[in-house]
Amino acid sequence: MTNIRIALLDMNNNHSNQGFRNIKELSEAFRNGSEENVSIEIFDVRSKNEVPNIEDFDIFISSGGPGTPHKEGLEWEKKYTHFLDSVYEHNKLYLRKKYLFLICHSFQVASIHWELGNICQRNTLSFGVIPIQKTEEGEDEFLFENLQEPFYGVDSRSFQFIEPNYHRIEELGMKIMAMEKFCSHVELEKAVMAVRFSNEIFGTQFHPEASPEALLENLKNEKNRNAIIENFGIQKYMETLDSIENENKLIATRAQILPRFLQFAKSNLLAMA
């Protein structure tokens, strides 16, 4: 029987976070639904400087987290960017690939590392359920296959990826798969919301792991609640509450993207066994 080894990279820097709990839930559901032996190991990247050896694992999911994605001279940063390069380079050289999903903070760190555009601080926190628009390339993205246009995801950003360097992205063979559908102010540039870094590496600025229960828990936080009202108004806050149980919004995104990524990785790993 094939062994599939999953590494979950916790980027929350010892802060309590609903998103990482949701990542664990989806990974455990994948394990429980697999006939193969699936192991899951957690690495506390920013708090304990723990980064997995890529040779020991097949699939990696790297979480969101608080704070700046720009380098501050910390020990974990060099280890983490080496990890990113190791996965990327491994897949150029070997038939048995490594699969990596990058979420929010991890997505921003990778985008800075590979010099894909301007990752800058927002004037205000963006938080809530937002519409996300597939790009032309994203319309053919299998991770988005059963999602409506636009689809919806949980957004939680103090920083954002804007002004993509299209020359650099094309040079590396990467593709922008989704963008913000709208901005709260027309003069602001739309943020990049998803990138296919390679056939095996995918990343999102939004949180595809988010569950309705987690969002409700986060809305108890006054800072998050005020962020929605300040950016979009009380009507948007009420719409966010309404969208939580909408099967075509948050529930659909959670059910599709990460589970499809895990199944895709599993199928390819089994084909190489």
C-alpha atoms as a PDB file:
ATOM      1  CA  MET A   1       0.000   0.000   0.000  1.00  0.00           C
ATOM      2  CA  THR A   2       1.275   3.470  -0.944  1.00  0.00           C
ATOM      3  CA  ASN A   3       2.191   5.914   1.815  1.00  0.00           C
ATOM      4  CA  ILE A   4       1.251   9.569   1.268  1.00  0.00           C
ATOM      5  CA  ARG A   5       2.967  11.998   3.597  1.00  0.00           C
ATOM      6  CA  ILE A   6       1.479  15.449   4.215  1.00  0.00           C
ATOM      7  CA  ALA A   7       3.293  18.344   5.903  1.00  0.00           C
ATOM      8  CA  LEU A   8       1.190  21.239   7.234  1.00  0.00           C
ATOM      9  CA  LEU A   9       3.198  24.436   7.650  1.00  0.00           C
ATOM     10  CA  ASP A  10       1.757  26.645  10.381  1.00  0.00           C
ATOM     11  CA  MET A  11       2.619  30.284   9.590  1.00  0.00           C
ATOM     12  CA  ASN A  12       0.584  31.824  12.415  1.00  0.00           C
ATOM     13  CA  ASN A  13       3.567  32.697  14.626  1.00  0.00           C
ATOM     14  CA  ASN A  14       1.926  31.303  17.756  1.00  0.00           C
ATOM     15  CA  HIS A  15      -1.300  33.263  17.214  1.00  0.00           C
ATOM     16  CA  SER A  16      -4.655  31.520  17.561  1.00  0.00           C
ATOM     17  CA  ASN A  17      -6.121  30.996  14.094  1.00  0.00           C
ATOM     18  CA  GLN A  18      -9.296  29.405  12.726  1.00  0.00           C
ATOM     19  CA  GLY A  19      -7.752  28.916   9.289  1.00  0.00           C
ATOM     20  CA  PHE A  20      -5.122  26.442  10.399  1.00  0.00           C
ATOM     21  CA  ARG A  21      -7.740  24.425  12.242  1.00  0.00           C
ATOM     22  CA  ASN A  22      -9.720  24.285   8.991  1.00  0.00           C
ATOM     23  CA  ILE A  23      -6.622  23.129   7.056  1.00  0.00           C
ATOM     24  CA  LYS A  24      -6.166  20.303   9.554  1.00  0.00           C
ATOM     25  CA  GLU A  25      -9.849  19.352   9.245  1.00  0.00           C
ATOM     26  CA  LEU A  26      -9.666  19.110   5.442  1.00  0.00           C
ATOM     27  CA  SER A  27      -6.375  17.174   5.593  1.00  0.00           C
ATOM     28  CA  GLU A  28      -7.816  14.743   8.133  1.00  0.00           C
ATOM     29  CA  ALA A  29     -10.960  14.286   6.025  1.00  0.00           C
ATOM     30  CA  PHE A  30      -8.717  13.452   3.062  1.00  0.00           C
ATOM     31  CA  ARG A  31      -6.774  10.966   5.206  1.00  0.00           C
ATOM     32  CA  ASN A  32      -9.939   9.351   6.550  1.00  0.00           C
ATOM     33  CA  GLY A  33     -11.359   8.985   3.051  1.00  0.00           C
ATOM     34  CA  SER A  34      -8.233   7.435   1.532  1.00  0.00           C
ATOM     35  CA  GLU A  35      -7.508   3.748   1.169  1.00  0.00           C
ATOM     36  CA  GLU A  36      -3.796   4.599   1.233  1.00  0.00           C
ATOM     37  CA  ASN A  37      -1.774   5.198   4.374  1.00  0.00           C
ATOM     38  CA  VAL A  38      -1.838   8.965   4.844  1.00  0.00           C
ATOM     39  CA  SER A  39       0.268  10.627   7.536  1.00  0.00           C
ATOM     40  CA  ILE A  40       0.042  14.265   8.618  1.00  0.00           C
ATOM     41  CA  GLU A  41       2.778  16.194  10.398  1.00  0.00           C
ATOM     42  CA  ILE A  42       2.662  19.827  11.560  1.00  0.00           C
ATOM     43  CA  PHE A  43       5.564  22.289  11.393  1.00  0.00           C
ATOM     44  CA  ASP A  44       5.538  25.543  13.383  1.00  0.00           C
ATOM     45  CA  VAL A  45       7.510  27.656  10.921  1.00  0.00           C
ATOM     46  CA  ARG A  46       7.634  31.169  12.353  1.00  0.00           C
ATOM     47  CA  SER A  47       7.491  30.449  16.078  1.00  0.00           C
ATOM     48  CA  LYS A  48       9.833  27.418  16.246  1.00  0.00           C
ATOM     49  CA  ASN A  49      11.762  27.765  12.951  1.00  0.00           C
ATOM     50  CA  GLU A  50      10.477  24.350  11.832  1.00  0.00           C
ATOM     51  CA  VAL A  51      10.580  23.659   8.094  1.00  0.00           C
ATOM     52  CA  PRO A  52      10.087  20.177   6.618  1.00  0.00           C
ATOM     53  CA  ASN A  53      12.748  18.330   4.674  1.00  0.00           C
ATOM     54  CA  ILE A  54      11.046  17.977   1.314  1.00  0.00           C
ATOM     55  CA  GLU A  55      12.422  14.461   0.820  1.00  0.00           C
ATOM     56  CA  ASP A  56      10.325  13.269   3.768  1.00  0.00           C
ATOM     57  CA  PHE A  57       6.944  14.432   2.405  1.00  0.00           C
ATOM     58  CA  ASP A  58       4.812  14.377  -0.723  1.00  0.00           C
ATOM     59  CA  ILE A  59       2.270  17.143  -0.141  1.00  0.00           C
ATOM     60  CA  PHE A  60       2.683  20.493   1.619  1.00  0.00           C
ATOM     61  CA  ILE A  61       0.004  22.996   2.666  1.00  0.00           C
ATOM     62  CA  SER A  62       1.334  26.292   3.999  1.00  0.00           C
ATOM     63  CA  SER A  63      -1.093  28.497   5.916  1.00  0.00           C
ATOM     64  CA  GLY A  64      -1.954  32.134   6.253  1.00  0.00           C
ATOM     65  CA  GLY A  65      -0.791  34.154   9.226  1.00  0.00           C
ATOM     66  CA  PRO A  66      -0.455  37.609  10.735  1.00  0.00           C
ATOM     67  CA  GLY A  67       2.131  40.314  10.168  1.00  0.00           C
ATOM     68  CA  THR A  68       4.285  41.435   7.281  1.00  0.00           C
ATOM     69  CA  PRO A  69       5.263  39.000   4.523  1.00  0.00           C
ATOM     70  CA  HIS A  70       8.433  41.019   3.876  1.00  0.00           C
ATOM     71  CA  LYS A  71      11.737  39.865   5.315  1.00  0.00           C
ATOM     72  CA  GLU A  72      12.671  41.034   8.794  1.00  0.00           C
ATOM     73  CA  GLY A  73      15.955  39.139   9.151  1.00  0.00           C
ATOM     74  CA  LEU A  74      14.447  36.226  11.066  1.00  0.00           C
ATOM     75  CA  GLU A  75      15.830  32.688  11.061  1.00  0.00           C
ATOM     76  CA  TRP A  76      12.701  31.053   9.639  1.00  0.00           C
ATOM     77  CA  GLU A  77      12.660  33.303   6.555  1.00  0.00           C
ATOM     78  CA  LYS A  78      15.811  31.889   4.991  1.00  0.00           C
ATOM     79  CA  LYS A  79      14.713  28.336   5.785  1.00  0.00           C
ATOM     80  CA  TYR A  80      11.281  28.934   4.290  1.00  0.00           C
ATOM     81  CA  THR A  81      12.446  30.492   1.022  1.00  0.00           C
ATOM     82  CA  HIS A  82      14.959  27.651   0.672  1.00  0.00           C
ATOM     83  CA  PHE A  83      12.021  25.281   1.139  1.00  0.00           C
ATOM     84  CA  LEU A  84      10.086  27.060  -1.632  1.00  0.00           C
ATOM     85  CA  ASP A  85      13.029  26.835  -4.022  1.00  0.00           C
ATOM     86  CA  SER A  86      13.649  23.207  -3.094  1.00  0.00           C
ATOM     87  CA  VAL A  87      10.108  22.169  -4.036  1.00  0.00           C
ATOM     88  CA  TYR A  88      10.192  24.221  -7.232  1.00  0.00           C
ATOM     89  CA  GLU A  89      13.584  22.855  -8.338  1.00  0.00           C
ATOM     90  CA  HIS A  90      12.804  19.268  -7.294  1.00  0.00           C
ATOM     91  CA  ASN A  91       9.862  19.242  -9.680  1.00  0.00           C
ATOM     92  CA  LYS A  92      12.075  20.268 -12.578  1.00  0.00           C
ATOM     93  CA  LEU A  93      14.415  17.327 -12.006  1.00  0.00           C
ATOM     94  CA  TYR A  94      12.345  14.368 -10.797  1.00  0.00           C
ATOM     95  CA  LEU A  95       9.377  12.425 -12.160  1.00  0.00           C
ATOM     96  CA  ARG A  96       7.843  11.931  -8.690  1.00  0.00           C
ATOM     97  CA  LYS A  97       6.687  15.431  -7.879  1.00  0.00           C
ATOM     98  CA  LYS A  98       6.144  17.378  -4.679  1.00  0.00           C
ATOM     99  CA  TYR A  99       2.820  19.214  -4.306  1.00  0.00           C
ATOM    100  CA  LEU A 100       2.521  22.555  -2.526  1.00  0.00           C
ATOM    101  CA  PHE A 101      -0.472  24.775  -1.739  1.00  0.00           C
ATOM    102  CA  LEU A 102       0.225  28.307  -0.457  1.00  0.00           C
ATOM    103  CA  ILE A 103      -2.429  30.319   1.409  1.00  0.00           C
ATOM    104  CA  CYS A 104      -2.555  34.076   2.096  1.00  0.00           C
ATOM    105  CA  HIS A 105       0.622  34.911   4.090  1.00  0.00           C
ATOM    106  CA  SER A 106       2.498  32.002   2.475  1.00  0.00           C
ATOM    107  CA  PHE A 107       1.229  33.122  -0.934  1.00  0.00           C
ATOM    108  CA  GLN A 108       2.523  36.632  -0.285  1.00  0.00           C
ATOM    109  CA  VAL A 109       5.932  35.429   0.924  1.00  0.00           C
ATOM    110  CA  ALA A 110       6.320  33.253  -2.192  1.00  0.00           C
ATOM    111  CA  SER A 111       5.218  36.084  -4.485  1.00  0.00           C
ATOM    112  CA  ILE A 112       7.804  38.398  -2.912  1.00  0.00           C
ATOM    113  CA  HIS A 113      10.492  35.721  -3.101  1.00  0.00           C
ATOM    114  CA  TRP A 114       9.879  35.055  -6.788  1.00  0.00           C
ATOM    115  CA  GLU A 115       9.520  38.809  -7.497  1.00  0.00           C
ATOM    116  CA  LEU A 116       6.082  38.552  -9.050  1.00  0.00           C
ATOM    117  CA  GLY A 117       4.761  42.033  -8.264  1.00  0.00           C
ATOM    118  CA  ASN A 118       4.082  44.642  -5.611  1.00  0.00           C
ATOM    119  CA  ILE A 119       3.141  43.136  -2.260  1.00  0.00           C
ATOM    120  CA  CYS A 120       2.289  46.162  -0.147  1.00  0.00           C
ATOM    121  CA  GLN A 121       0.400  47.072   2.999  1.00  0.00           C
ATOM    122  CA  ARG A 122      -3.259  47.996   2.656  1.00  0.00           C
ATOM    123  CA  ASN A 123      -4.601  51.193   4.176  1.00  0.00           C
ATOM    124  CA  THR A 124      -7.156  49.128   6.082  1.00  0.00           C
ATOM    125  CA  LEU A 125      -7.714  45.464   6.847  1.00  0.00           C
ATOM    126  CA  SER A 126      -9.831  43.663   4.243  1.00  0.00           C
ATOM    127  CA  PHE A 127     -12.009  41.012   5.835  1.00  0.00           C
ATOM    128  CA  GLY A 128     -15.127  39.161   4.750  1.00  0.00           C
ATOM    129  CA  VAL A 129     -16.576  37.033   1.964  1.00  0.00           C
ATOM    130  CA  ILE A 130     -15.670  38.599  -1.381  1.00  0.00           C
ATOM    131  CA  PRO A 131     -16.385  37.811  -5.048  1.00  0.00           C
ATOM    132  CA  ILE A 132     -13.366  36.498  -6.934  1.00  0.00           C
ATOM    133  CA  GLN A 133     -13.115  36.569 -10.711  1.00  0.00           C
ATOM    134  CA  LYS A 134     -11.397  33.882 -12.749  1.00  0.00           C
ATOM    135  CA  THR A 135      -8.914  35.136 -15.332  1.00  0.00           C
ATOM    136  CA  GLU A 136      -8.983  33.749 -18.854  1.00  0.00           C
ATOM    137  CA  GLU A 137      -6.428  31.120 -17.764  1.00  0.00           C
ATOM    138  CA  GLY A 138      -8.397  30.528 -14.573  1.00  0.00           C
ATOM    139  CA  GLU A 139     -11.492  29.537 -16.535  1.00  0.00           C
ATOM    140  CA  ASP A 140      -9.653  26.309 -17.405  1.00  0.00           C
ATOM    141  CA  GLU A 141      -8.248  25.764 -13.895  1.00  0.00           C
ATOM    142  CA  PHE A 142      -9.419  22.367 -12.630  1.00  0.00           C
ATOM    143  CA  LEU A 143      -9.349  23.556  -9.003  1.00  0.00           C
ATOM    144  CA  PHE A 144     -12.076  26.073  -9.935  1.00  0.00           C
ATOM    145  CA  GLU A 145     -13.988  23.692 -12.186  1.00  0.00           C
ATOM    146  CA  ASN A 146     -17.282  23.512 -10.286  1.00  0.00           C
ATOM    147  CA  LEU A 147     -17.241  27.082  -8.957  1.00  0.00           C
ATOM    148  CA  GLN A 148     -19.541  29.750 -10.346  1.00  0.00           C
ATOM    149  CA  GLU A 149     -18.301  32.988 -11.938  1.00  0.00           C
ATOM    150  CA  PRO A 150     -17.570  34.913  -9.878  1.00  0.00           C
ATOM    151  CA  PHE A 151     -16.930  32.538  -6.999  1.00  0.00           C
ATOM    152  CA  TYR A 152     -16.543  33.555  -3.365  1.00  0.00           C
ATOM    153  CA  GLY A 153     -13.854  33.239  -0.746  1.00  0.00           C
ATOM    154  CA  VAL A 154     -12.935  34.493   2.701  1.00  0.00           C
ATOM    155  CA  ASP A 155     -10.588  37.446   2.489  1.00  0.00           C
ATOM    156  CA  SER A 156      -8.356  38.534   5.379  1.00  0.00           C
ATOM    157  CA  ARG A 157      -5.626  40.903   4.229  1.00  0.00           C
ATOM    158  CA  SER A 158      -3.467  43.561   5.822  1.00  0.00           C
ATOM    159  CA  PHE A 159      -1.145  43.217   2.818  1.00  0.00           C
ATOM    160  CA  GLN A 160      -2.000  42.653  -0.832  1.00  0.00           C
ATOM    161  CA  PHE A 161      -0.431  41.560  -4.115  1.00  0.00           C
ATOM    162  CA  ILE A 162      -1.064  44.212  -6.800  1.00  0.00           C
ATOM    163  CA  GLU A 163       0.740  45.442  -9.933  1.00  0.00           C
ATOM    164  CA  PRO A 164       1.869  42.009 -11.163  1.00  0.00           C
ATOM    165  CA  ASN A 165       5.162  41.833 -13.058  1.00  0.00           C
ATOM    166  CA  TYR A 166       3.810  40.068 -16.129  1.00  0.00           C
ATOM    167  CA  HIS A 167       7.236  39.747 -17.740  1.00  0.00           C
ATOM    168  CA  ARG A 168       8.625  37.968 -14.672  1.00  0.00           C
ATOM    169  CA  ILE A 169       5.521  35.780 -14.325  1.00  0.00           C
ATOM    170  CA  GLU A 170       5.759  34.709 -17.967  1.00  0.00           C
ATOM    171  CA  GLU A 171       9.518  34.161 -17.650  1.00  0.00           C
ATOM    172  CA  LEU A 172       8.924  31.679 -14.816  1.00  0.00           C
ATOM    173  CA  GLY A 173       6.023  29.980 -16.595  1.00  0.00           C
ATOM    174  CA  MET A 174       3.543  31.034 -13.906  1.00  0.00           C
ATOM    175  CA  LYS A 175      -0.060  32.151 -14.456  1.00  0.00           C
ATOM    176  CA  ILE A 176      -2.475  34.455 -12.639  1.00  0.00           C
ATOM    177  CA  MET A 177      -5.671  32.461 -12.172  1.00  0.00           C
ATOM    178  CA  ALA A 178      -7.972  34.846 -10.276  1.00  0.00           C
ATOM    179  CA  MET A 179      -8.342  38.517  -9.364  1.00  0.00           C
ATOM    180  CA  GLU A 180     -10.418  40.613  -7.014  1.00  0.00           C
ATOM    181  CA  LYS A 181     -13.733  41.249  -8.755  1.00  0.00           C
ATOM    182  CA  PHE A 182     -13.934  44.807  -7.535  1.00  0.00           C
ATOM    183  CA  CYS A 183     -12.229  47.326  -5.296  1.00  0.00           C
ATOM    184  CA  SER A 184     -13.920  49.361  -2.602  1.00  0.00           C
ATOM    185  CA  HIS A 185     -12.561  52.496  -4.322  1.00  0.00           C
ATOM    186  CA  VAL A 186     -12.292  52.694  -8.089  1.00  0.00           C
ATOM    187  CA  GLU A 187      -8.838  54.271  -8.028  1.00  0.00           C
ATOM    188  CA  LEU A 188      -7.331  51.262  -6.272  1.00  0.00           C
ATOM    189  CA  GLU A 189      -5.863  48.451  -8.333  1.00  0.00           C
ATOM    190  CA  LYS A 190      -7.412  45.004  -8.073  1.00  0.00           C
ATOM    191  CA  ALA A 191      -5.442  42.460  -6.086  1.00  0.00           C
ATOM    192  CA  VAL A 192      -4.167  39.165  -7.483  1.00  0.00           C
ATOM    193  CA  MET A 193      -6.113  36.394  -5.741  1.00  0.00           C
ATOM    194  CA  ALA A 194      -4.629  33.158  -7.130  1.00  0.00           C
ATOM    195  CA  VAL A 195      -1.492  32.071  -8.987  1.00  0.00           C
ATOM    196  CA  ARG A 196      -0.511  28.751 -10.531  1.00  0.00           C
ATOM    197  CA  PHE A 197       3.202  28.800  -9.777  1.00  0.00           C
ATOM    198  CA  SER A 198       3.718  25.480 -11.576  1.00  0.00           C
ATOM    199  CA  ASN A 199       1.808  22.291 -12.376  1.00  0.00           C
ATOM    200  CA  GLU A 200       2.398  21.177  -8.766  1.00  0.00           C
ATOM    201  CA  ILE A 201       2.385  24.499  -6.869  1.00  0.00           C
ATOM    202  CA  PHE A 202      -0.729  26.627  -6.433  1.00  0.00           C
ATOM    203  CA  GLY A 203      -1.468  29.592  -4.207  1.00  0.00           C
ATOM    204  CA  THR A 204      -4.370  31.802  -3.161  1.00  0.00           C
ATOM    205  CA  GLN A 205      -4.551  35.217  -1.521  1.00  0.00           C
ATOM    206  CA  PHE A 206      -7.947  34.235  -0.090  1.00  0.00           C
ATOM    207  CA  HIS A 207      -8.701  31.370   2.315  1.00  0.00           C
ATOM    208  CA  PRO A 208     -10.134  28.344   0.453  1.00  0.00           C
ATOM    209  CA  GLU A 209     -10.074  26.331   3.677  1.00  0.00           C
ATOM    210  CA  ALA A 210     -12.484  28.602   5.561  1.00  0.00           C
ATOM    211  CA  SER A 211     -15.608  27.035   7.040  1.00  0.00           C
ATOM    212  CA  PRO A 212     -18.876  28.800   7.941  1.00  0.00           C
ATOM    213  CA  GLU A 213     -18.216  28.052  11.619  1.00  0.00           C
ATOM    214  CA  ALA A 214     -14.746  29.588  11.446  1.00  0.00           C
ATOM    215  CA  LEU A 215     -16.011  32.727   9.737  1.00  0.00           C
ATOM    216  CA  LEU A 216     -18.716  33.177  12.361  1.00  0.00           C
ATOM    217  CA  GLU A 217     -16.072  32.791  15.060  1.00  0.00           C
ATOM    218  CA  ASN A 218     -13.895  35.405  13.355  1.00  0.00           C
ATOM    219  CA  LEU A 219     -16.828  37.801  13.078  1.00  0.00           C
ATOM    220  CA  LYS A 220     -17.021  37.828  16.865  1.00  0.00           C
ATOM    221  CA  ASN A 221     -13.725  39.731  16.680  1.00  0.00           C
ATOM    222  CA  GLU A 222     -14.536  43.454  16.761  1.00  0.00           C
ATOM    223  CA  LYS A 223     -11.562  44.285  14.498  1.00  0.00           C
ATOM    224  CA  ASN A 224     -12.810  41.947  11.768  1.00  0.00           C
ATOM    225  CA  ARG A 225     -16.408  43.130  12.068  1.00  0.00           C
ATOM    226  CA  ASN A 226     -15.361  46.779  11.896  1.00  0.00           C
ATOM    227  CA  ALA A 227     -13.117  46.084   8.879  1.00  0.00           C
ATOM    228  CA  ILE A 228     -16.114  44.931   6.826  1.00  0.00           C
ATOM    229  CA  ILE A 229     -18.266  47.880   7.887  1.00  0.00           C
ATOM    230  CA  GLU A 230     -15.460  50.434   7.390  1.00  0.00           C
ATOM    231  CA  ASN A 231     -14.502  49.169   3.935  1.00  0.00           C
ATOM    232  CA  PHE A 232     -17.888  48.244   2.514  1.00  0.00           C
ATOM    233  CA  GLY A 233     -20.643  49.446   4.861  1.00  0.00           C
ATOM    234  CA  ILE A 234     -23.215  47.787   7.087  1.00  0.00           C
ATOM    235  CA  GLN A 235     -25.043  46.281   4.082  1.00  0.00           C
ATOM    236  CA  LYS A 236     -21.917  44.318   3.135  1.00  0.00           C
ATOM    237  CA  TYR A 237     -21.647  43.077   6.714  1.00  0.00           C
ATOM    238  CA  MET A 238     -25.228  41.802   6.570  1.00  0.00           C
ATOM    239  CA  GLU A 239     -24.530  40.195   3.161  1.00  0.00           C
ATOM    240  CA  THR A 240     -21.506  38.462   4.676  1.00  0.00           C
ATOM    241  CA  LEU A 241     -23.700  36.939   7.356  1.00  0.00           C
ATOM    242  CA  ASP A 242     -26.176  35.820   4.691  1.00  0.00           C
ATOM    243  CA  SER A 243     -23.447  34.288   2.515  1.00  0.00           C
ATOM    244  CA  ILE A 244     -22.057  32.066   5.268  1.00  0.00           C
ATOM    245  CA  GLU A 245     -24.607  29.297   4.734  1.00  0.00           C
ATOM    246  CA  ASN A 246     -24.972  29.818   0.971  1.00  0.00           C
ATOM    247  CA  GLU A 247     -23.982  26.545  -0.703  1.00  0.00           C
ATOM    248  CA  ASN A 248     -22.815  28.412  -3.844  1.00  0.00           C
ATOM    249  CA  LYS A 249     -20.439  30.671  -1.938  1.00  0.00           C
ATOM    250  CA  LEU A 250     -18.210  29.799   1.015  1.00  0.00           C
ATOM    251  CA  ILE A 251     -19.336  26.171   1.279  1.00  0.00           C
ATOM    252  CA  ALA A 252     -18.680  25.513  -2.432  1.00  0.00           C
ATOM    253  CA  THR A 253     -15.178  27.020  -2.292  1.00  0.00           C
ATOM    254  CA  ARG A 254     -14.222  24.984   0.780  1.00  0.00           C
ATOM    255  CA  ALA A 255     -15.568  21.789  -0.774  1.00  0.00           C
ATOM    256  CA  GLN A 256     -13.760  22.242  -4.080  1.00  0.00           C
ATOM    257  CA  ILE A 257     -10.314  23.827  -4.028  1.00  0.00           C
ATOM    258  CA  LEU A 258      -8.212  22.140  -1.343  1.00  0.00           C
ATOM    259  CA  PRO A 259      -9.955  18.744  -1.616  1.00  0.00           C
ATOM    260  CA  ARG A 260      -9.385  18.794  -5.404  1.00  0.00           C
ATOM    261  CA  PHE A 261      -5.747  19.750  -4.880  1.00  0.00           C
ATOM    262  CA  LEU A 262      -5.249  16.833  -2.487  1.00  0.00           C
ATOM    263  CA  GLN A 263      -6.977  14.374  -4.824  1.00  0.00           C
ATOM    264  CA  PHE A 264      -4.916  15.623  -7.783  1.00  0.00           C
ATOM    265  CA  ALA A 265      -1.694  15.146  -5.825  1.00  0.00           C
ATOM    266  CA  LYS A 266      -2.800  11.693  -4.662  1.00  0.00           C
ATOM    267  CA  SER A 267      -3.695  10.536  -8.182  1.00  0.00           C
ATOM    268  CA  ASN A 268      -0.335  11.609  -9.562  1.00  0.00           C
ATOM    269  CA  LEU A 269       1.570  10.091  -6.664  1.00  0.00           C
ATOM    270  CA  LEU A 270      -0.241   6.771  -7.109  1.00  0.00           C
ATOM    271  CA  ALA A 271       0.513   6.825 -10.825  1.00  0.00           C
ATOM    272  CA  MET A 272       4.226   7.050  -9.980  1.00  0.00           C
ATOM    273  CA  ALA A 273       4.135   4.369  -7.283  1.00  0.00           C
END
